[in-house]
N, C-alpha and C. Protein backbone atom coordinates (compact mmCIF):
# COMPACT_ATOMS: atom_id res chain seq x y z
N MET A 1 -19.14 -22.99 126.46
CA MET A 1 -18.95 -23.07 127.88
C MET A 1 -17.53 -22.63 128.21
N LYS A 2 -17.44 -21.73 129.19
CA LYS A 2 -16.13 -21.18 129.49
C LYS A 2 -15.76 -21.26 130.96
N GLN A 3 -16.74 -21.42 131.83
CA GLN A 3 -16.47 -21.41 133.25
C GLN A 3 -17.17 -22.57 133.94
N LEU A 4 -16.70 -22.85 135.15
CA LEU A 4 -17.33 -23.90 135.96
C LEU A 4 -18.81 -23.57 136.19
N TYR A 5 -19.11 -22.31 136.34
CA TYR A 5 -20.50 -21.88 136.52
C TYR A 5 -21.37 -22.35 135.35
N ASP A 6 -20.85 -22.29 134.14
CA ASP A 6 -21.60 -22.73 132.95
C ASP A 6 -21.91 -24.22 133.03
N VAL A 7 -20.96 -25.00 133.51
CA VAL A 7 -21.17 -26.44 133.67
C VAL A 7 -22.23 -26.68 134.75
N GLN A 8 -22.16 -25.91 135.82
CA GLN A 8 -23.16 -26.04 136.89
C GLN A 8 -24.56 -25.74 136.34
N GLN A 9 -24.67 -24.74 135.48
CA GLN A 9 -25.97 -24.40 134.91
C GLN A 9 -26.47 -25.50 133.98
N LEU A 10 -25.57 -26.13 133.25
CA LEU A 10 -25.94 -27.26 132.40
C LEU A 10 -26.51 -28.40 133.26
N LEU A 11 -25.82 -28.73 134.32
CA LEU A 11 -26.28 -29.80 135.20
C LEU A 11 -27.59 -29.42 135.88
N LYS A 12 -27.74 -28.17 136.19
CA LYS A 12 -28.96 -27.67 136.84
C LYS A 12 -30.19 -27.91 135.96
N ARG A 13 -30.01 -27.88 134.64
CA ARG A 13 -31.12 -28.17 133.72
C ARG A 13 -31.72 -29.54 133.98
N PHE A 14 -30.93 -30.44 134.54
CA PHE A 14 -31.37 -31.80 134.82
C PHE A 14 -31.55 -32.04 136.33
N ASN A 15 -31.71 -30.93 137.06
CA ASN A 15 -31.89 -30.98 138.52
C ASN A 15 -30.73 -31.68 139.22
N ILE A 16 -29.53 -31.44 138.74
CA ILE A 16 -28.34 -32.00 139.36
C ILE A 16 -27.58 -30.85 140.02
N TYR A 17 -27.52 -30.89 141.33
CA TYR A 17 -26.83 -29.88 142.12
C TYR A 17 -25.70 -30.58 142.87
N VAL A 18 -24.48 -30.09 142.67
CA VAL A 18 -23.32 -30.74 143.28
C VAL A 18 -22.68 -29.81 144.29
N TYR A 19 -22.60 -30.27 145.51
CA TYR A 19 -21.82 -29.59 146.54
C TYR A 19 -21.38 -30.62 147.56
N VAL A 20 -20.13 -31.00 147.48
CA VAL A 20 -19.58 -31.98 148.40
C VAL A 20 -18.85 -31.26 149.54
N GLY A 21 -18.30 -30.10 149.24
CA GLY A 21 -17.61 -29.33 150.26
C GLY A 21 -16.19 -29.01 149.91
N LYS A 22 -15.62 -29.77 149.01
CA LYS A 22 -14.26 -29.52 148.54
C LYS A 22 -14.33 -29.35 147.03
N ARG A 23 -13.80 -28.25 146.52
CA ARG A 23 -13.95 -27.92 145.10
C ARG A 23 -13.48 -29.05 144.18
N LYS A 24 -12.35 -29.66 144.51
CA LYS A 24 -11.81 -30.73 143.68
C LYS A 24 -12.80 -31.90 143.61
N TRP A 25 -13.40 -32.25 144.73
CA TRP A 25 -14.38 -33.33 144.76
C TRP A 25 -15.64 -32.95 143.99
N ASP A 26 -16.03 -31.69 144.10
CA ASP A 26 -17.19 -31.21 143.35
C ASP A 26 -16.97 -31.39 141.84
N ILE A 27 -15.77 -31.03 141.40
CA ILE A 27 -15.44 -31.14 139.98
C ILE A 27 -15.47 -32.60 139.54
N GLU A 28 -14.92 -33.50 140.36
CA GLU A 28 -14.93 -34.93 140.03
C GLU A 28 -16.35 -35.46 139.92
N LEU A 29 -17.22 -35.07 140.85
CA LEU A 29 -18.60 -35.53 140.82
C LEU A 29 -19.36 -34.94 139.64
N MET A 30 -19.08 -33.68 139.31
CA MET A 30 -19.72 -33.07 138.14
C MET A 30 -19.33 -33.82 136.87
N ALA A 31 -18.07 -34.24 136.78
CA ALA A 31 -17.62 -34.99 135.61
C ALA A 31 -18.36 -36.32 135.50
N LEU A 32 -18.58 -36.99 136.61
CA LEU A 32 -19.33 -38.25 136.60
C LEU A 32 -20.78 -38.03 136.17
N GLU A 33 -21.39 -37.00 136.71
CA GLU A 33 -22.78 -36.69 136.35
C GLU A 33 -22.88 -36.31 134.87
N LEU A 34 -21.90 -35.57 134.39
CA LEU A 34 -21.87 -35.17 132.98
C LEU A 34 -21.77 -36.40 132.09
N ASP A 35 -20.92 -37.35 132.46
CA ASP A 35 -20.80 -38.60 131.71
C ASP A 35 -22.15 -39.31 131.64
N ASN A 36 -22.84 -39.36 132.77
CA ASN A 36 -24.13 -40.04 132.82
C ASN A 36 -25.18 -39.39 131.93
N ILE A 37 -25.27 -38.07 131.96
CA ILE A 37 -26.30 -37.43 131.12
C ILE A 37 -25.93 -37.50 129.64
N TYR A 38 -24.63 -37.51 129.34
CA TYR A 38 -24.22 -37.65 127.94
C TYR A 38 -24.54 -39.06 127.42
N HIS A 39 -24.19 -40.06 128.19
CA HIS A 39 -24.44 -41.45 127.76
C HIS A 39 -25.92 -41.79 127.72
N SER A 40 -26.72 -40.99 128.41
CA SER A 40 -28.17 -41.16 128.35
C SER A 40 -28.77 -40.45 127.14
N GLY A 41 -27.95 -39.71 126.40
CA GLY A 41 -28.40 -39.03 125.20
C GLY A 41 -29.13 -37.72 125.47
N LEU A 42 -28.89 -37.13 126.61
CA LEU A 42 -29.62 -35.92 126.99
C LEU A 42 -28.93 -34.62 126.57
N ILE A 43 -27.64 -34.69 126.25
CA ILE A 43 -26.91 -33.52 125.77
C ILE A 43 -26.14 -33.89 124.51
N THR A 44 -25.78 -32.86 123.77
CA THR A 44 -25.04 -33.09 122.52
C THR A 44 -23.57 -33.37 122.80
N GLN A 45 -22.91 -33.91 121.81
CA GLN A 45 -21.48 -34.18 121.94
C GLN A 45 -20.71 -32.86 122.13
N LYS A 46 -21.15 -31.82 121.45
CA LYS A 46 -20.50 -30.52 121.57
C LYS A 46 -20.61 -29.99 123.00
N GLU A 47 -21.78 -30.09 123.61
CA GLU A 47 -21.96 -29.66 125.00
C GLU A 47 -21.09 -30.49 125.93
N PHE A 48 -21.07 -31.78 125.68
CA PHE A 48 -20.29 -32.70 126.52
C PHE A 48 -18.81 -32.37 126.49
N ILE A 49 -18.27 -32.24 125.30
CA ILE A 49 -16.83 -31.98 125.15
C ILE A 49 -16.47 -30.62 125.74
N SER A 50 -17.29 -29.64 125.47
CA SER A 50 -17.04 -28.30 126.00
C SER A 50 -17.02 -28.30 127.52
N ALA A 51 -17.98 -28.96 128.13
CA ALA A 51 -18.06 -29.04 129.59
C ALA A 51 -16.89 -29.83 130.16
N LYS A 52 -16.50 -30.91 129.50
CA LYS A 52 -15.37 -31.72 129.98
C LYS A 52 -14.06 -30.92 129.96
N VAL A 53 -13.89 -30.10 128.94
CA VAL A 53 -12.68 -29.27 128.85
C VAL A 53 -12.64 -28.28 130.02
N VAL A 54 -13.77 -27.66 130.31
CA VAL A 54 -13.84 -26.73 131.44
C VAL A 54 -13.52 -27.45 132.75
N LEU A 55 -14.13 -28.62 132.95
CA LEU A 55 -13.90 -29.38 134.18
C LEU A 55 -12.44 -29.80 134.31
N GLN A 56 -11.84 -30.23 133.22
CA GLN A 56 -10.43 -30.64 133.25
C GLN A 56 -9.54 -29.46 133.62
N HIS A 57 -9.83 -28.31 133.03
CA HIS A 57 -9.05 -27.10 133.32
C HIS A 57 -9.16 -26.73 134.80
N GLU A 58 -10.37 -26.72 135.32
CA GLU A 58 -10.60 -26.37 136.72
C GLU A 58 -9.95 -27.40 137.66
N TYR A 59 -10.00 -28.66 137.28
CA TYR A 59 -9.38 -29.71 138.09
C TYR A 59 -7.87 -29.51 138.18
N GLU A 60 -7.27 -29.18 137.05
CA GLU A 60 -5.82 -28.94 137.02
C GLU A 60 -5.44 -27.75 137.91
N ILE A 61 -6.25 -26.71 137.91
CA ILE A 61 -6.00 -25.56 138.77
C ILE A 61 -6.03 -25.99 140.23
N GLU A 62 -7.03 -26.76 140.61
CA GLU A 62 -7.15 -27.22 141.99
C GLU A 62 -5.99 -28.13 142.38
N LYS A 63 -5.57 -28.96 141.45
CA LYS A 63 -4.46 -29.88 141.69
C LYS A 63 -3.17 -29.09 141.95
N ARG A 64 -2.93 -28.05 141.15
CA ARG A 64 -1.75 -27.21 141.34
C ARG A 64 -1.79 -26.49 142.69
N LYS A 65 -2.96 -26.02 143.08
CA LYS A 65 -3.10 -25.35 144.37
C LYS A 65 -2.73 -26.30 145.51
N GLU A 66 -3.20 -27.55 145.43
CA GLU A 66 -2.88 -28.54 146.45
C GLU A 66 -1.38 -28.81 146.51
N GLU A 67 -0.75 -28.90 145.36
CA GLU A 67 0.69 -29.18 145.31
C GLU A 67 1.48 -28.02 145.91
N GLN A 68 1.03 -26.81 145.71
CA GLN A 68 1.72 -25.63 146.25
C GLN A 68 1.61 -25.58 147.76
N ARG A 69 0.48 -26.06 148.30
CA ARG A 69 0.27 -26.05 149.74
C ARG A 69 1.14 -27.11 150.43
N GLY A 70 1.47 -28.12 149.66
CA GLY A 70 2.34 -29.17 150.20
C GLY A 70 1.61 -30.30 150.67
């Protein structure tokens, strides 16, 4: 997994569609949903870790954008 789109496709396999309206919030909600499907035993540890890394990276990008805006 390399992009946020890949994480969205993973969640889509479980009929989980996330759109809150703000990218940062979307990423936070995707992380919560990912935790839930992992703890339910529906995805492998490798998929989980890979997706979490992507989400963390995207979250940091959004955080930096917010800080630059002031």
